[in-house]
Amino acid sequence: MPAEKGKTRITIRIDDHILEWFRRQVHGQGGGNYQTLINLALRQHIAREDDVLAETLRRVLREEMATYKVSRTSRPARTRRKRAA
């Protein structure tokens, strides 16, 4: 059977107990495909990792912006010099 569009058929080695866990999950849900469940788990992991990265970037930017604002406001104001005409 050819793979669906957007999917690639591969050979992968997975620990026996991991594969059995996914098969039990599918069986407990009344049927389905354990490979689809593994794919879903991988998608969720990637999304979670992306969320962690995004939150880290937000935190760093907030910290840097706070530092920038403090350093900008703590400097004495410069007065403009008038040009001699």
PDB file of N, CA and C in Angstrom:
ATOM      1  N   MET A   1       0.848  -1.179   0.000  1.00  0.00           N
ATOM      2  CA  MET A   1       0.000   0.000   0.000  1.00  0.00           C
ATOM      3  C   MET A   1       0.894   1.241   0.000  1.00  0.00           C
ATOM      4  N   PRO A   2       0.703   2.157  -0.948  1.00  0.00           N
ATOM      5  CA  PRO A   2       1.527   3.363  -0.983  1.00  0.00           C
ATOM      6  C   PRO A   2       1.206   4.299   0.179  1.00  0.00           C
ATOM      7  N   ALA A   3       2.219   5.041   0.599  1.00  0.00           N
ATOM      8  CA  ALA A   3       2.044   5.996   1.702  1.00  0.00           C
ATOM      9  C   ALA A   3       1.170   7.153   1.242  1.00  0.00           C
ATOM     10  N   GLU A   4       0.404   7.705   2.199  1.00  0.00           N
ATOM     11  CA  GLU A   4      -0.423   8.871   1.900  1.00  0.00           C
ATOM     12  C   GLU A   4       0.458  10.045   1.508  1.00  0.00           C
ATOM     13  N   LYS A   5      -0.115  10.990   0.772  1.00  0.00           N
ATOM     14  CA  LYS A   5       0.630  12.187   0.400  1.00  0.00           C
ATOM     15  C   LYS A   5       1.033  12.935   1.678  1.00  0.00           C
ATOM     16  N   GLY A   6       2.286  13.363   1.731  1.00  0.00           N
ATOM     17  CA  GLY A   6       2.788  14.068   2.903  1.00  0.00           C
ATOM     18  C   GLY A   6       3.338  13.144   3.976  1.00  0.00           C
ATOM     19  N   LYS A   7       3.356  11.843   3.698  1.00  0.00           N
ATOM     20  CA  LYS A   7       3.898  10.873   4.653  1.00  0.00           C
ATOM     21  C   LYS A   7       4.973  10.050   3.953  1.00  0.00           C
ATOM     22  N   THR A   8       5.953   9.626   4.737  1.00  0.00           N
ATOM     23  CA  THR A   8       7.055   8.828   4.207  1.00  0.00           C
ATOM     24  C   THR A   8       7.128   7.526   4.978  1.00  0.00           C
ATOM     25  N   ARG A   9       7.236   6.455   4.252  1.00  0.00           N
ATOM     26  CA  ARG A   9       7.376   5.143   4.886  1.00  0.00           C
ATOM     27  C   ARG A   9       8.839   4.970   5.285  1.00  0.00           C
ATOM     28  N   ILE A  10       9.068   4.632   6.566  1.00  0.00           N
ATOM     29  CA  ILE A  10      10.430   4.429   7.067  1.00  0.00           C
ATOM     30  C   ILE A  10      10.480   3.157   7.900  1.00  0.00           C
ATOM     31  N   THR A  11      11.682   2.725   8.163  1.00  0.00           N
ATOM     32  CA  THR A  11      11.913   1.645   9.119  1.00  0.00           C
ATOM     33  C   THR A  11      12.569   2.289  10.328  1.00  0.00           C
ATOM     34  N   ILE A  12      12.026   2.022  11.506  1.00  0.00           N
ATOM     35  CA  ILE A  12      12.543   2.636  12.722  1.00  0.00           C
ATOM     36  C   ILE A  12      12.596   1.577  13.817  1.00  0.00           C
ATOM     37  N   ARG A  13      13.587   1.661  14.661  1.00  0.00           N
ATOM     38  CA  ARG A  13      13.700   0.740  15.788  1.00  0.00           C
ATOM     39  C   ARG A  13      13.197   1.458  17.038  1.00  0.00           C
ATOM     40  N   ILE A  14      12.181   0.870  17.660  1.00  0.00           N
ATOM     41  CA  ILE A  14      11.573   1.421  18.866  1.00  0.00           C
ATOM     42  C   ILE A  14      11.643   0.352  19.945  1.00  0.00           C
ATOM     43  N   ASP A  15      11.913   0.762  21.165  1.00  0.00           N
ATOM     44  CA  ASP A  15      11.945  -0.199  22.271  1.00  0.00           C
ATOM     45  C   ASP A  15      10.622  -0.956  22.331  1.00  0.00           C
ATOM     46  N   ASP A  16      10.714  -2.247  22.636  1.00  0.00           N
ATOM     47  CA  ASP A  16       9.520  -3.094  22.681  1.00  0.00           C
ATOM     48  C   ASP A  16       8.453  -2.551  23.627  1.00  0.00           C
ATOM     49  N   HIS A  17       8.871  -2.101  24.813  1.00  0.00           N
ATOM     50  CA  HIS A  17       7.873  -1.640  25.779  1.00  0.00           C
ATOM     51  C   HIS A  17       7.187  -0.347  25.318  1.00  0.00           C
ATOM     52  N   ILE A  18       7.884   0.483  24.525  1.00  0.00           N
ATOM     53  CA  ILE A  18       7.269   1.698  23.978  1.00  0.00           C
ATOM     54  C   ILE A  18       6.203   1.318  22.951  1.00  0.00           C
ATOM     55  N   LEU A  19       6.560   0.427  22.055  1.00  0.00           N
ATOM     56  CA  LEU A  19       5.619  -0.016  21.027  1.00  0.00           C
ATOM     57  C   LEU A  19       4.399  -0.689  21.655  1.00  0.00           C
ATOM     58  N   GLU A  20       4.624  -1.517  22.647  1.00  0.00           N
ATOM     59  CA  GLU A  20       3.509  -2.180  23.331  1.00  0.00           C
ATOM     60  C   GLU A  20       2.602  -1.175  24.025  1.00  0.00           C
ATOM     61  N   TRP A  21       3.184  -0.117  24.600  1.00  0.00           N
ATOM     62  CA  TRP A  21       2.376   0.911  25.255  1.00  0.00           C
ATOM     63  C   TRP A  21       1.434   1.568  24.247  1.00  0.00           C
ATOM     64  N   PHE A  22       1.959   1.933  23.080  1.00  0.00           N
ATOM     65  CA  PHE A  22       1.113   2.549  22.056  1.00  0.00           C
ATOM     66  C   PHE A  22       0.042   1.579  21.565  1.00  0.00           C
ATOM     67  N   ARG A  23       0.399   0.333  21.399  1.00  0.00           N
ATOM     68  CA  ARG A  23      -0.606  -0.664  20.968  1.00  0.00           C
ATOM     69  C   ARG A  23      -1.706  -0.827  22.021  1.00  0.00           C
ATOM     70  N   ARG A  24      -1.327  -0.835  23.311  1.00  0.00           N
ATOM     71  CA  ARG A  24      -2.333  -0.927  24.380  1.00  0.00           C
ATOM     72  C   ARG A  24      -3.254   0.289  24.378  1.00  0.00           C
ATOM     73  N   GLN A  25      -2.680   1.457  24.129  1.00  0.00           N
ATOM     74  CA  GLN A  25      -3.495   2.672  24.088  1.00  0.00           C
ATOM     75  C   GLN A  25      -4.554   2.583  22.988  1.00  0.00           C
ATOM     76  N   VAL A  26      -4.126   2.150  21.818  1.00  0.00           N
ATOM     77  CA  VAL A  26      -5.056   2.024  20.694  1.00  0.00           C
ATOM     78  C   VAL A  26      -6.115   0.979  21.007  1.00  0.00           C
ATOM     79  N   HIS A  27      -5.692  -0.153  21.558  1.00  0.00           N
ATOM     80  CA  HIS A  27      -6.644  -1.215  21.900  1.00  0.00           C
ATOM     81  C   HIS A  27      -7.638  -0.713  22.945  1.00  0.00           C
ATOM     82  N   GLY A  28      -7.153   0.037  23.934  1.00  0.00           N
ATOM     83  CA  GLY A  28      -8.017   0.571  24.990  1.00  0.00           C
ATOM     84  C   GLY A  28      -9.028   1.581  24.464  1.00  0.00           C
ATOM     85  N   GLN A  29      -8.705   2.215  23.346  1.00  0.00           N
ATOM     86  CA  GLN A  29      -9.614   3.187  22.739  1.00  0.00           C
ATOM     87  C   GLN A  29     -10.589   2.526  21.769  1.00  0.00           C
ATOM     88  N   GLY A  30     -10.519   1.221  21.688  1.00  0.00           N
ATOM     89  CA  GLY A  30     -11.447   0.505  20.813  1.00  0.00           C
ATOM     90  C   GLY A  30     -10.950   0.296  19.403  1.00  0.00           C
ATOM     91  N   GLY A  31      -9.679   0.514  19.186  1.00  0.00           N
ATOM     92  CA  GLY A  31      -9.119   0.270  17.863  1.00  0.00           C
ATOM     93  C   GLY A  31      -8.497   1.508  17.271  1.00  0.00           C
ATOM     94  N   GLY A  32      -7.877   1.319  16.152  1.00  0.00           N
ATOM     95  CA  GLY A  32      -7.197   2.412  15.477  1.00  0.00           C
ATOM     96  C   GLY A  32      -5.822   1.965  15.036  1.00  0.00           C
ATOM     97  N   ASN A  33      -4.961   2.904  14.835  1.00  0.00           N
ATOM     98  CA  ASN A  33      -3.640   2.614  14.320  1.00  0.00           C
ATOM     99  C   ASN A  33      -2.594   3.167  15.290  1.00  0.00           C
ATOM    100  N   TYR A  34      -1.761   2.299  15.810  1.00  0.00           N
ATOM    101  CA  TYR A  34      -0.745   2.731  16.765  1.00  0.00           C
ATOM    102  C   TYR A  34       0.259   3.681  16.110  1.00  0.00           C
ATOM    103  N   GLN A  35       0.478   3.541  14.812  1.00  0.00           N
ATOM    104  CA  GLN A  35       1.409   4.433  14.128  1.00  0.00           C
ATOM    105  C   GLN A  35       0.880   5.866  14.110  1.00  0.00           C
ATOM    106  N   THR A  36      -0.425   6.002  13.930  1.00  0.00           N
ATOM    107  CA  THR A  36      -1.047   7.320  13.975  1.00  0.00           C
ATOM    108  C   THR A  36      -0.886   7.924  15.360  1.00  0.00           C
ATOM    109  N   LEU A  37      -1.027   7.104  16.386  1.00  0.00           N
ATOM    110  CA  LEU A  37      -0.872   7.575  17.759  1.00  0.00           C
ATOM    111  C   LEU A  37       0.574   8.009  18.032  1.00  0.00           C
ATOM    112  N   ILE A  38       1.536   7.270  17.515  1.00  0.00           N
ATOM    113  CA  ILE A  38       2.946   7.657  17.661  1.00  0.00           C
ATOM    114  C   ILE A  38       3.181   8.989  16.948  1.00  0.00           C
ATOM    115  N   ASN A  39       2.625   9.140  15.758  1.00  0.00           N
ATOM    116  CA  ASN A  39       2.770  10.387  15.000  1.00  0.00           C
ATOM    117  C   ASN A  39       2.189  11.565  15.779  1.00  0.00           C
ATOM    118  N   LEU A  40       1.019  11.360  16.388  1.00  0.00           N
ATOM    119  CA  LEU A  40       0.386  12.402  17.194  1.00  0.00           C
ATOM    120  C   LEU A  40       1.265  12.775  18.394  1.00  0.00           C
ATOM    121  N   ALA A  41       1.825  11.770  19.047  1.00  0.00           N
ATOM    122  CA  ALA A  41       2.698  12.022  20.197  1.00  0.00           C
ATOM    123  C   ALA A  41       3.928  12.830  19.780  1.00  0.00           C
ATOM    124  N   LEU A  42       4.482  12.526  18.626  1.00  0.00           N
ATOM    125  CA  LEU A  42       5.646  13.270  18.133  1.00  0.00           C
ATOM    126  C   LEU A  42       5.262  14.710  17.794  1.00  0.00           C
ATOM    127  N   ARG A  43       4.094  14.894  17.190  1.00  0.00           N
ATOM    128  CA  ARG A  43       3.622  16.256  16.880  1.00  0.00           C
ATOM    129  C   ARG A  43       3.447  17.077  18.163  1.00  0.00           C
ATOM    130  N   GLN A  44       2.854  16.457  19.188  1.00  0.00           N
ATOM    131  CA  GLN A  44       2.641  17.155  20.459  1.00  0.00           C
ATOM    132  C   GLN A  44       3.976  17.529  21.103  1.00  0.00           C
ATOM    133  N   HIS A  45       4.939  16.626  21.017  1.00  0.00           N
ATOM    134  CA  HIS A  45       6.264  16.903  21.575  1.00  0.00           C
ATOM    135  C   HIS A  45       6.904  18.098  20.867  1.00  0.00           C
ATOM    136  N   ILE A  46       6.825  18.117  19.553  1.00  0.00           N
ATOM    137  CA  ILE A  46       7.397  19.223  18.781  1.00  0.00           C
ATOM    138  C   ILE A  46       6.712  20.534  19.144  1.00  0.00           C
ATOM    139  N   ALA A  47       5.389  20.519  19.248  1.00  0.00           N
ATOM    140  CA  ALA A  47       4.641  21.733  19.599  1.00  0.00           C
ATOM    141  C   ALA A  47       5.054  22.223  20.988  1.00  0.00           C
ATOM    142  N   ARG A  48       5.211  21.308  21.917  1.00  0.00           N
ATOM    143  CA  ARG A  48       5.619  21.670  23.281  1.00  0.00           C
ATOM    144  C   ARG A  48       7.027  22.279  23.257  1.00  0.00           C
ATOM    145  N   GLU A  49       7.926  21.696  22.489  1.00  0.00           N
ATOM    146  CA  GLU A  49       9.284  22.228  22.379  1.00  0.00           C
ATOM    147  C   GLU A  49       9.259  23.619  21.755  1.00  0.00           C
ATOM    148  N   ASP A  50       8.407  23.816  20.736  1.00  0.00           N
ATOM    149  CA  ASP A  50       8.276  25.134  20.117  1.00  0.00           C
ATOM    150  C   ASP A  50       7.751  26.148  21.127  1.00  0.00           C
ATOM    151  N   ASP A  51       6.803  25.723  21.968  1.00  0.00           N
ATOM    152  CA  ASP A  51       6.257  26.611  22.996  1.00  0.00           C
ATOM    153  C   ASP A  51       7.327  27.003  24.006  1.00  0.00           C
ATOM    154  N   VAL A  52       8.168  26.050  24.384  1.00  0.00           N
ATOM    155  CA  VAL A  52       9.245  26.331  25.336  1.00  0.00           C
ATOM    156  C   VAL A  52      10.217  27.338  24.726  1.00  0.00           C
ATOM    157  N   LEU A  53      10.561  27.145  23.471  1.00  0.00           N
ATOM    158  CA  LEU A  53      11.465  28.066  22.796  1.00  0.00           C
ATOM    159  C   LEU A  53      10.844  29.460  22.717  1.00  0.00           C
ATOM    160  N   ALA A  54       9.574  29.530  22.335  1.00  0.00           N
ATOM    161  CA  ALA A  54       8.901  30.828  22.225  1.00  0.00           C
ATOM    162  C   ALA A  54       8.850  31.529  23.579  1.00  0.00           C
ATOM    163  N   GLU A  55       8.541  30.801  24.639  1.00  0.00           N
ATOM    164  CA  GLU A  55       8.483  31.404  25.973  1.00  0.00           C
ATOM    165  C   GLU A  55       9.867  31.870  26.418  1.00  0.00           C
ATOM    166  N   THR A  56      10.896  31.107  26.110  1.00  0.00           N
ATOM    167  CA  THR A  56      12.258  31.507  26.446  1.00  0.00           C
ATOM    168  C   THR A  56      12.634  32.798  25.721  1.00  0.00           C
ATOM    169  N   LEU A  57      12.292  32.879  24.445  1.00  0.00           N
ATOM    170  CA  LEU A  57      12.576  34.099  23.686  1.00  0.00           C
ATOM    171  C   LEU A  57      11.829  35.294  24.268  1.00  0.00           C
ATOM    172  N   ARG A  58      10.566  35.102  24.635  1.00  0.00           N
ATOM    173  CA  ARG A  58       9.795  36.187  25.240  1.00  0.00           C
ATOM    174  C   ARG A  58      10.450  36.667  26.543  1.00  0.00           C
ATOM    175  N   ARG A  59      10.865  35.706  27.375  1.00  0.00           N
ATOM    176  CA  ARG A  59      11.482  36.051  28.658  1.00  0.00           C
ATOM    177  C   ARG A  59      12.774  36.833  28.443  1.00  0.00           C
ATOM    178  N   VAL A  60      13.606  36.365  27.540  1.00  0.00           N
ATOM    179  CA  VAL A  60      14.877  37.043  27.265  1.00  0.00           C
ATOM    180  C   VAL A  60      14.621  38.453  26.729  1.00  0.00           C
ATOM    181  N   LEU A  61      13.667  38.580  25.821  1.00  0.00           N
ATOM    182  CA  LEU A  61      13.360  39.906  25.279  1.00  0.00           C
ATOM    183  C   LEU A  61      12.844  40.848  26.359  1.00  0.00           C
ATOM    184  N   ARG A  62      11.968  40.338  27.243  1.00  0.00           N
ATOM    185  CA  ARG A  62      11.468  41.174  28.341  1.00  0.00           C
ATOM    186  C   ARG A  62      12.623  41.636  29.223  1.00  0.00           C
ATOM    187  N   GLU A  63      13.524  40.716  29.545  1.00  0.00           N
ATOM    188  CA  GLU A  63      14.669  41.067  30.395  1.00  0.00           C
ATOM    189  C   GLU A  63      15.569  42.087  29.711  1.00  0.00           C
ATOM    190  N   GLU A  64      15.825  41.888  28.435  1.00  0.00           N
ATOM    191  CA  GLU A  64      16.688  42.814  27.705  1.00  0.00           C
ATOM    192  C   GLU A  64      16.034  44.177  27.554  1.00  0.00           C
ATOM    193  N   MET A  65      14.747  44.204  27.271  1.00  0.00           N
ATOM    194  CA  MET A  65      14.039  45.480  27.132  1.00  0.00           C
ATOM    195  C   MET A  65      14.030  46.224  28.461  1.00  0.00           C
ATOM    196  N   ALA A  66      13.854  45.507  29.562  1.00  0.00           N
ATOM    197  CA  ALA A  66      13.882  46.149  30.880  1.00  0.00           C
ATOM    198  C   ALA A  66      15.253  46.759  31.134  1.00  0.00           C
ATOM    199  N   THR A  67      16.310  46.057  30.789  1.00  0.00           N
ATOM    200  CA  THR A  67      17.671  46.567  30.950  1.00  0.00           C
ATOM    201  C   THR A  67      17.879  47.795  30.078  1.00  0.00           C
ATOM    202  N   TYR A  68      17.394  47.735  28.855  1.00  0.00           N
ATOM    203  CA  TYR A  68      17.537  48.847  27.922  1.00  0.00           C
ATOM    204  C   TYR A  68      16.808  50.075  28.454  1.00  0.00           C
ATOM    205  N   LYS A  69      15.583  49.901  28.932  1.00  0.00           N
ATOM    206  CA  LYS A  69      14.805  51.021  29.450  1.00  0.00           C
ATOM    207  C   LYS A  69      15.487  51.645  30.659  1.00  0.00           C
ATOM    208  N   VAL A  70      16.019  50.830  31.544  1.00  0.00           N
ATOM    209  CA  VAL A  70      16.702  51.342  32.736  1.00  0.00           C
ATOM    210  C   VAL A  70      17.933  52.124  32.328  1.00  0.00           C
ATOM    211  N   SER A  71      18.725  51.585  31.429  1.00  0.00           N
ATOM    212  CA  SER A  71      19.956  52.272  31.040  1.00  0.00           C
ATOM    213  C   SER A  71      19.644  53.540  30.261  1.00  0.00           C
ATOM    214  N   ARG A  72      18.574  53.559  29.489  1.00  0.00           N
ATOM    215  CA  ARG A  72      18.201  54.751  28.725  1.00  0.00           C
ATOM    216  C   ARG A  72      17.686  55.853  29.649  1.00  0.00           C
ATOM    217  N   THR A  73      16.920  55.503  30.677  1.00  0.00           N
ATOM    218  CA  THR A  73      16.349  56.518  31.556  1.00  0.00           C
ATOM    219  C   THR A  73      17.335  56.982  32.612  1.00  0.00           C
ATOM    220  N   SER A  74      18.382  56.220  32.867  1.00  0.00           N
ATOM    221  CA  SER A  74      19.332  56.615  33.905  1.00  0.00           C
ATOM    222  C   SER A  74      20.402  57.563  33.384  1.00  0.00           C
ATOM    223  N   ARG A  75      20.495  57.737  32.068  1.00  0.00           N
ATOM    224  CA  ARG A  75      21.465  58.664  31.498  1.00  0.00           C
ATOM    225  C   ARG A  75      20.961  60.091  31.640  1.00  0.00           C
ATOM    226  N   PRO A  76      21.881  61.013  31.862  1.00  0.00           N
ATOM    227  CA  PRO A  76      21.440  62.409  31.902  1.00  0.00           C
ATOM    228  C   PRO A  76      20.990  62.847  30.510  1.00  0.00           C
ATOM    229  N   ALA A  77      19.999  63.683  30.486  1.00  0.00           N
ATOM    230  CA  ALA A  77      19.480  64.160  29.203  1.00  0.00           C
ATOM    231  C   ALA A  77      20.511  65.072  28.561  1.00  0.00           C
ATOM    232  N   ARG A  78      20.698  64.903  27.285  1.00  0.00           N
ATOM    233  CA  ARG A  78      21.625  65.763  26.553  1.00  0.00           C
ATOM    234  C   ARG A  78      20.856  66.963  26.009  1.00  0.00           C
ATOM    235  N   THR A  79      21.501  68.084  26.062  1.00  0.00           N
ATOM    236  CA  THR A  79      20.861  69.264  25.488  1.00  0.00           C
ATOM    237  C   THR A  79      21.360  69.433  24.080  1.00  0.00           C
ATOM    238  N   ARG A  80      20.509  69.942  23.244  1.00  0.00           N
ATOM    239  CA  ARG A  80      20.906  70.167  21.859  1.00  0.00           C
ATOM    240  C   ARG A  80      21.747  71.447  21.773  1.00  0.00           C
ATOM    241  N   ARG A  81      22.747  71.362  20.992  1.00  0.00           N
ATOM    242  CA  ARG A  81      23.571  72.549  20.744  1.00  0.00           C
ATOM    243  C   ARG A  81      22.999  73.280  19.539  1.00  0.00           C
ATOM    244  N   LYS A  82      22.927  74.568  19.675  1.00  0.00           N
ATOM    245  CA  LYS A  82      22.446  75.371  18.551  1.00  0.00           C
ATOM    246  C   LYS A  82      23.587  75.548  17.576  1.00  0.00           C
ATOM    247  N   ARG A  83      23.248  75.417  16.321  1.00  0.00           N
ATOM    248  CA  ARG A  83      24.269  75.623  15.275  1.00  0.00           C
ATOM    249  C   ARG A  83      24.538  77.126  15.112  1.00  0.00           C
ATOM    250  N   ALA A  84      25.762  77.416  14.955  1.00  0.00           N
ATOM    251  CA  ALA A  84      26.103  78.809  14.678  1.00  0.00           C
ATOM    252  C   ALA A  84      25.779  79.091  13.232  1.00  0.00           C
ATOM    253  N   ALA A  85      25.059  80.122  12.990  1.00  0.00           N
ATOM    254  CA  ALA A  85      24.654  80.447  11.621  1.00  0.00           C
ATOM    255  C   ALA A  85      25.695  81.232  10.890  1.00  0.00           C
TER     256      ALA A  85
END
